[in-house]
Amino acid sequence: MKTNKIIFWTTTGLVAAMMAMSGVMYLTHNPQITDGLKTLGYPAYMLYILGIAKLLGSAGLLQTFSPKLREWAYAGLAITFIGAIWSHAATATPFAGPLVFLIVLAASWFYNMRLQTMKAIKN
């Protein structure tokens, strides 16, 4: 169980940290982010929507009081990553970053489910 917890918190922390940093960069209108969104064809107001969503998703992953809230965070972030992969593929820009983080998010979800199952069996 200890190994499962280590893997869970490592993958979860990695995704949450990346999404929090990304959210801050979106909300502060980082020039690289702004240019990247223009390249993908998105309007400037998406910076606020995605920035806030990324920060909320990051917080939702890290909180420990509501498994249901964490599940919603997983769903929202998965949709965000899938949308990013699709957008990059449609504009022929590199999509390896969102794909890697989707895989890391899936690993976090898998180990979260494993820990929840072990906890239920133990009780």
N, C-alpha and C. Protein backbone atom coordinates (compact mmCIF):
# COMPACT_ATOMS: atom_id res chain seq x y z
N MET A 1 0.83 -1.20 0.00
CA MET A 1 0.00 0.00 0.00
C MET A 1 0.88 1.26 0.00
N LYS A 2 2.04 1.19 0.65
CA LYS A 2 2.91 2.35 0.71
C LYS A 2 3.39 2.75 -0.69
N THR A 3 3.76 1.76 -1.51
CA THR A 3 4.20 2.04 -2.88
C THR A 3 3.08 2.70 -3.68
N ASN A 4 1.87 2.20 -3.51
CA ASN A 4 0.72 2.78 -4.21
C ASN A 4 0.51 4.24 -3.83
N LYS A 5 0.66 4.55 -2.54
CA LYS A 5 0.50 5.93 -2.07
C LYS A 5 1.59 6.83 -2.65
N ILE A 6 2.81 6.31 -2.69
CA ILE A 6 3.92 7.11 -3.23
C ILE A 6 3.69 7.41 -4.70
N ILE A 7 3.29 6.40 -5.46
CA ILE A 7 3.03 6.61 -6.89
C ILE A 7 1.85 7.56 -7.08
N PHE A 8 0.80 7.36 -6.29
CA PHE A 8 -0.37 8.23 -6.39
C PHE A 8 -0.01 9.68 -6.13
N TRP A 9 0.67 9.97 -5.01
CA TRP A 9 0.96 11.35 -4.65
C TRP A 9 2.02 11.97 -5.57
N THR A 10 2.92 11.16 -6.10
CA THR A 10 3.91 11.68 -7.04
C THR A 10 3.24 12.11 -8.35
N THR A 11 2.42 11.23 -8.91
CA THR A 11 1.75 11.57 -10.17
C THR A 11 0.74 12.69 -9.97
N THR A 12 0.02 12.64 -8.87
CA THR A 12 -0.98 13.68 -8.59
C THR A 12 -0.30 15.03 -8.38
N GLY A 13 0.77 15.04 -7.60
CA GLY A 13 1.50 16.28 -7.36
C GLY A 13 2.10 16.86 -8.62
N LEU A 14 2.60 15.99 -9.48
CA LEU A 14 3.18 16.45 -10.75
C LEU A 14 2.12 17.13 -11.63
N VAL A 15 0.98 16.48 -11.80
CA VAL A 15 -0.09 17.06 -12.62
C VAL A 15 -0.63 18.33 -11.97
N ALA A 16 -0.84 18.30 -10.66
CA ALA A 16 -1.39 19.48 -9.97
C ALA A 16 -0.43 20.66 -10.06
N ALA A 17 0.85 20.42 -9.88
CA ALA A 17 1.83 21.50 -9.96
C ALA A 17 1.88 22.08 -11.38
N MET A 18 1.90 21.21 -12.37
CA MET A 18 1.95 21.68 -13.75
C MET A 18 0.70 22.48 -14.10
N MET A 19 -0.45 22.01 -13.66
CA MET A 19 -1.69 22.72 -13.97
C MET A 19 -1.77 24.04 -13.21
N ALA A 20 -1.29 24.08 -11.98
CA ALA A 20 -1.30 25.33 -11.21
C ALA A 20 -0.37 26.36 -11.88
N MET A 21 0.82 25.93 -12.26
CA MET A 21 1.74 26.86 -12.94
C MET A 21 1.16 27.33 -14.26
N SER A 22 0.57 26.42 -15.00
CA SER A 22 -0.04 26.76 -16.28
C SER A 22 -1.20 27.74 -16.06
N GLY A 23 -2.03 27.47 -15.05
CA GLY A 23 -3.15 28.36 -14.76
C GLY A 23 -2.70 29.77 -14.43
N VAL A 24 -1.64 29.89 -13.64
CA VAL A 24 -1.10 31.21 -13.30
C VAL A 24 -0.58 31.90 -14.56
N MET A 25 0.11 31.15 -15.42
CA MET A 25 0.62 31.74 -16.66
C MET A 25 -0.52 32.21 -17.56
N TYR A 26 -1.62 31.45 -17.59
CA TYR A 26 -2.78 31.87 -18.39
C TYR A 26 -3.37 33.16 -17.82
N LEU A 27 -3.52 33.22 -16.52
CA LEU A 27 -4.16 34.38 -15.90
C LEU A 27 -3.29 35.63 -15.91
N THR A 28 -1.98 35.46 -15.98
CA THR A 28 -1.08 36.61 -16.04
C THR A 28 -0.73 36.97 -17.49
N HIS A 29 -1.37 36.33 -18.42
CA HIS A 29 -1.19 36.60 -19.86
C HIS A 29 0.27 36.48 -20.29
N ASN A 30 0.90 35.38 -19.92
CA ASN A 30 2.26 35.09 -20.35
C ASN A 30 2.31 35.18 -21.88
N PRO A 31 3.28 35.91 -22.45
CA PRO A 31 3.33 36.10 -23.90
C PRO A 31 3.39 34.78 -24.70
N GLN A 32 4.12 33.79 -24.20
CA GLN A 32 4.18 32.52 -24.91
C GLN A 32 2.82 31.83 -24.94
N ILE A 33 2.12 31.89 -23.83
CA ILE A 33 0.78 31.27 -23.75
C ILE A 33 -0.19 32.02 -24.68
N THR A 34 -0.14 33.34 -24.63
CA THR A 34 -1.02 34.16 -25.47
C THR A 34 -0.77 33.87 -26.95
N ASP A 35 0.49 33.83 -27.35
CA ASP A 35 0.82 33.53 -28.74
C ASP A 35 0.40 32.11 -29.12
N GLY A 36 0.60 31.17 -28.20
CA GLY A 36 0.20 29.79 -28.47
C GLY A 36 -1.29 29.65 -28.67
N LEU A 37 -2.07 30.35 -27.87
CA LEU A 37 -3.53 30.30 -28.02
C LEU A 37 -3.97 30.91 -29.35
N LYS A 38 -3.30 31.98 -29.75
CA LYS A 38 -3.60 32.59 -31.06
C LYS A 38 -3.29 31.62 -32.19
N THR A 39 -2.16 30.91 -32.07
CA THR A 39 -1.77 29.93 -33.09
C THR A 39 -2.82 28.83 -33.21
N LEU A 40 -3.39 28.45 -32.07
CA LEU A 40 -4.42 27.41 -32.08
C LEU A 40 -5.78 27.93 -32.53
N GLY A 41 -5.90 29.24 -32.63
CA GLY A 41 -7.14 29.83 -33.11
C GLY A 41 -8.16 30.16 -32.03
N TYR A 42 -7.72 30.21 -30.78
CA TYR A 42 -8.64 30.52 -29.69
C TYR A 42 -8.65 32.01 -29.39
N PRO A 43 -9.80 32.55 -28.96
CA PRO A 43 -9.87 33.97 -28.60
C PRO A 43 -9.18 34.23 -27.25
N ALA A 44 -8.84 35.47 -27.02
CA ALA A 44 -8.09 35.86 -25.82
C ALA A 44 -8.85 35.57 -24.52
N TYR A 45 -10.18 35.62 -24.55
CA TYR A 45 -10.93 35.40 -23.31
C TYR A 45 -10.78 33.96 -22.80
N MET A 46 -10.32 33.05 -23.63
CA MET A 46 -10.10 31.67 -23.20
C MET A 46 -8.98 31.58 -22.16
N LEU A 47 -8.10 32.60 -22.13
CA LEU A 47 -7.05 32.62 -21.12
C LEU A 47 -7.64 32.58 -19.72
N TYR A 48 -8.69 33.36 -19.50
CA TYR A 48 -9.33 33.42 -18.18
C TYR A 48 -10.06 32.11 -17.86
N ILE A 49 -10.81 31.61 -18.82
CA ILE A 49 -11.58 30.39 -18.60
C ILE A 49 -10.65 29.22 -18.30
N LEU A 50 -9.65 29.03 -19.14
CA LEU A 50 -8.73 27.91 -18.94
C LEU A 50 -7.85 28.11 -17.70
N GLY A 51 -7.43 29.34 -17.44
CA GLY A 51 -6.60 29.60 -16.27
C GLY A 51 -7.32 29.26 -14.98
N ILE A 52 -8.55 29.71 -14.86
CA ILE A 52 -9.33 29.41 -13.65
C ILE A 52 -9.65 27.92 -13.56
N ALA A 53 -10.00 27.30 -14.69
CA ALA A 53 -10.30 25.87 -14.69
C ALA A 53 -9.08 25.04 -14.27
N LYS A 54 -7.91 25.44 -14.73
CA LYS A 54 -6.69 24.70 -14.37
C LYS A 54 -6.38 24.84 -12.88
N LEU A 55 -6.55 26.03 -12.33
CA LEU A 55 -6.31 26.22 -10.90
C LEU A 55 -7.32 25.44 -10.06
N LEU A 56 -8.58 25.45 -10.47
CA LEU A 56 -9.59 24.69 -9.74
C LEU A 56 -9.35 23.19 -9.85
N GLY A 57 -8.95 22.73 -11.03
CA GLY A 57 -8.64 21.31 -11.21
C GLY A 57 -7.46 20.88 -10.36
N SER A 58 -6.46 21.72 -10.28
CA SER A 58 -5.29 21.43 -9.45
C SER A 58 -5.69 21.32 -7.99
N ALA A 59 -6.47 22.27 -7.52
CA ALA A 59 -6.94 22.23 -6.12
C ALA A 59 -7.82 21.01 -5.87
N GLY A 60 -8.66 20.68 -6.84
CA GLY A 60 -9.55 19.53 -6.71
C GLY A 60 -8.78 18.22 -6.60
N LEU A 61 -7.67 18.11 -7.32
CA LEU A 61 -6.87 16.90 -7.22
C LEU A 61 -6.19 16.75 -5.87
N LEU A 62 -5.74 17.86 -5.31
CA LEU A 62 -4.96 17.82 -4.08
C LEU A 62 -5.80 17.72 -2.81
N GLN A 63 -7.06 18.11 -2.87
CA GLN A 63 -7.89 18.07 -1.67
C GLN A 63 -8.13 16.63 -1.25
N THR A 64 -8.34 16.42 0.04
CA THR A 64 -8.50 15.06 0.57
C THR A 64 -9.86 14.81 1.24
N PHE A 65 -10.73 15.80 1.26
CA PHE A 65 -11.99 15.64 2.00
C PHE A 65 -13.15 15.11 1.17
N SER A 66 -13.05 15.16 -0.16
CA SER A 66 -14.17 14.73 -0.99
C SER A 66 -13.70 13.92 -2.19
N PRO A 67 -13.89 12.60 -2.15
CA PRO A 67 -13.53 11.77 -3.30
C PRO A 67 -14.32 12.16 -4.56
N LYS A 68 -15.56 12.57 -4.37
CA LYS A 68 -16.41 12.97 -5.51
C LYS A 68 -15.83 14.20 -6.20
N LEU A 69 -15.37 15.18 -5.43
CA LEU A 69 -14.76 16.38 -5.99
C LEU A 69 -13.48 16.03 -6.76
N ARG A 70 -12.69 15.10 -6.22
CA ARG A 70 -11.48 14.66 -6.91
C ARG A 70 -11.84 14.00 -8.25
N GLU A 71 -12.90 13.21 -8.27
CA GLU A 71 -13.34 12.58 -9.52
C GLU A 71 -13.72 13.63 -10.57
N TRP A 72 -14.40 14.68 -10.13
CA TRP A 72 -14.76 15.76 -11.05
C TRP A 72 -13.50 16.46 -11.56
N ALA A 73 -12.52 16.62 -10.70
CA ALA A 73 -11.25 17.24 -11.12
C ALA A 73 -10.56 16.37 -12.16
N TYR A 74 -10.54 15.06 -11.94
CA TYR A 74 -9.97 14.15 -12.94
C TYR A 74 -10.69 14.30 -14.28
N ALA A 75 -12.01 14.32 -14.23
CA ALA A 75 -12.79 14.43 -15.47
C ALA A 75 -12.50 15.74 -16.20
N GLY A 76 -12.51 16.84 -15.45
CA GLY A 76 -12.25 18.15 -16.06
C GLY A 76 -10.86 18.26 -16.66
N LEU A 77 -9.86 17.76 -15.94
CA LEU A 77 -8.50 17.84 -16.45
C LEU A 77 -8.31 16.91 -17.65
N ALA A 78 -8.95 15.75 -17.62
CA ALA A 78 -8.87 14.84 -18.77
C ALA A 78 -9.47 15.51 -20.01
N ILE A 79 -10.60 16.16 -19.84
CA ILE A 79 -11.22 16.88 -20.96
C ILE A 79 -10.30 17.99 -21.46
N THR A 80 -9.66 18.69 -20.54
CA THR A 80 -8.71 19.75 -20.90
C THR A 80 -7.56 19.19 -21.72
N PHE A 81 -6.97 18.08 -21.25
CA PHE A 81 -5.85 17.48 -21.98
C PHE A 81 -6.27 16.93 -23.33
N ILE A 82 -7.41 16.28 -23.39
CA ILE A 82 -7.89 15.74 -24.67
C ILE A 82 -8.17 16.89 -25.64
N GLY A 83 -8.76 17.97 -25.14
CA GLY A 83 -9.00 19.14 -25.99
C GLY A 83 -7.70 19.75 -26.48
N ALA A 84 -6.69 19.79 -25.62
CA ALA A 84 -5.39 20.33 -26.03
C ALA A 84 -4.74 19.45 -27.09
N ILE A 85 -4.80 18.14 -26.89
CA ILE A 85 -4.24 17.21 -27.88
C ILE A 85 -4.94 17.40 -29.22
N TRP A 86 -6.25 17.45 -29.18
CA TRP A 86 -7.04 17.61 -30.41
C TRP A 86 -6.71 18.94 -31.11
N SER A 87 -6.64 20.02 -30.34
CA SER A 87 -6.34 21.33 -30.91
C SER A 87 -4.96 21.36 -31.55
N HIS A 88 -3.99 20.79 -30.87
CA HIS A 88 -2.63 20.76 -31.43
C HIS A 88 -2.57 19.88 -32.67
N ALA A 89 -3.23 18.74 -32.64
CA ALA A 89 -3.23 17.85 -33.81
C ALA A 89 -3.91 18.52 -35.00
N ALA A 90 -5.00 19.25 -34.73
CA ALA A 90 -5.75 19.91 -35.81
C ALA A 90 -4.96 21.05 -36.45
N THR A 91 -4.05 21.65 -35.69
CA THR A 91 -3.27 22.77 -36.23
C THR A 91 -1.83 22.35 -36.55
N ALA A 92 -1.57 21.06 -36.52
CA ALA A 92 -0.25 20.50 -36.85
C ALA A 92 0.86 21.10 -35.97
N THR A 93 0.55 21.30 -34.70
CA THR A 93 1.55 21.74 -33.74
C THR A 93 1.82 20.58 -32.77
N PRO A 94 2.97 20.56 -32.12
CA PRO A 94 3.32 19.42 -31.26
C PRO A 94 2.31 19.20 -30.13
N PHE A 95 1.91 17.95 -29.96
CA PHE A 95 0.94 17.63 -28.92
C PHE A 95 1.49 16.63 -27.89
N ALA A 96 2.79 16.42 -27.89
CA ALA A 96 3.39 15.44 -26.97
C ALA A 96 3.20 15.86 -25.51
N GLY A 97 3.31 17.14 -25.19
CA GLY A 97 3.17 17.60 -23.81
C GLY A 97 1.83 17.24 -23.20
N PRO A 98 0.72 17.64 -23.84
CA PRO A 98 -0.59 17.27 -23.26
C PRO A 98 -0.81 15.76 -23.22
N LEU A 99 -0.26 15.05 -24.19
CA LEU A 99 -0.41 13.59 -24.21
C LEU A 99 0.31 12.95 -23.02
N VAL A 100 1.53 13.40 -22.75
CA VAL A 100 2.29 12.88 -21.61
C VAL A 100 1.54 13.16 -20.31
N PHE A 101 1.03 14.38 -20.16
CA PHE A 101 0.33 14.71 -18.92
C PHE A 101 -1.02 14.00 -18.82
N LEU A 102 -1.65 13.67 -19.94
CA LEU A 102 -2.86 12.85 -19.89
C LEU A 102 -2.52 11.46 -19.36
N ILE A 103 -1.40 10.93 -19.78
CA ILE A 103 -0.96 9.61 -19.30
C ILE A 103 -0.62 9.66 -17.81
N VAL A 104 0.05 10.72 -17.38
CA VAL A 104 0.38 10.87 -15.95
C VAL A 104 -0.92 11.03 -15.14
N LEU A 105 -1.88 11.79 -15.68
CA LEU A 105 -3.18 11.94 -15.01
C LEU A 105 -3.88 10.59 -14.91
N ALA A 106 -3.81 9.78 -15.97
CA ALA A 106 -4.43 8.46 -15.94
C ALA A 106 -3.77 7.57 -14.88
N ALA A 107 -2.45 7.68 -14.74
CA ALA A 107 -1.76 6.91 -13.70
C ALA A 107 -2.21 7.36 -12.32
N SER A 108 -2.35 8.66 -12.12
CA SER A 108 -2.83 9.19 -10.85
C SER A 108 -4.23 8.64 -10.56
N TRP A 109 -5.09 8.68 -11.54
CA TRP A 109 -6.47 8.18 -11.37
C TRP A 109 -6.46 6.70 -11.03
N PHE A 110 -5.63 5.92 -11.76
CA PHE A 110 -5.55 4.48 -11.53
C PHE A 110 -5.14 4.18 -10.08
N TYR A 111 -4.12 4.86 -9.60
CA TYR A 111 -3.66 4.62 -8.23
C TYR A 111 -4.62 5.18 -7.21
N ASN A 112 -5.35 6.23 -7.53
CA ASN A 112 -6.40 6.72 -6.65
C ASN A 112 -7.48 5.65 -6.49
N MET A 113 -7.89 5.06 -7.61
CA MET A 113 -8.90 4.00 -7.55
C MET A 113 -8.38 2.79 -6.77
N ARG A 114 -7.14 2.45 -6.98
CA ARG A 114 -6.54 1.32 -6.28
C ARG A 114 -6.53 1.57 -4.76
N LEU A 115 -6.15 2.78 -4.36
CA LEU A 115 -6.14 3.11 -2.93
C LEU A 115 -7.55 3.11 -2.35
N GLN A 116 -8.52 3.63 -3.10
CA GLN A 116 -9.91 3.64 -2.63
C GLN A 116 -10.42 2.21 -2.44
N THR A 117 -10.08 1.32 -3.37
CA THR A 117 -10.49 -0.08 -3.28
C THR A 117 -9.86 -0.75 -2.07
N MET A 118 -8.56 -0.51 -1.88
CA MET A 118 -7.87 -1.10 -0.72
C MET A 118 -8.46 -0.61 0.59
N LYS A 119 -8.82 0.67 0.61
CA LYS A 119 -9.41 1.27 1.80
C LYS A 119 -10.78 0.63 2.08
N ALA A 120 -11.57 0.41 1.03
CA ALA A 120 -12.90 -0.18 1.18
C ALA A 120 -12.79 -1.64 1.66
N ILE A 121 -11.82 -2.37 1.14
CA ILE A 121 -11.63 -3.76 1.54
C ILE A 121 -11.19 -3.84 3.00
N LYS A 122 -10.32 -2.92 3.38
CA LYS A 122 -9.79 -2.90 4.74
C LYS A 122 -10.89 -2.64 5.77
N ASN A 123 -11.88 -1.81 5.39
CA ASN A 123 -12.96 -1.47 6.32
C ASN A 123 -13.98 -2.53 6.24
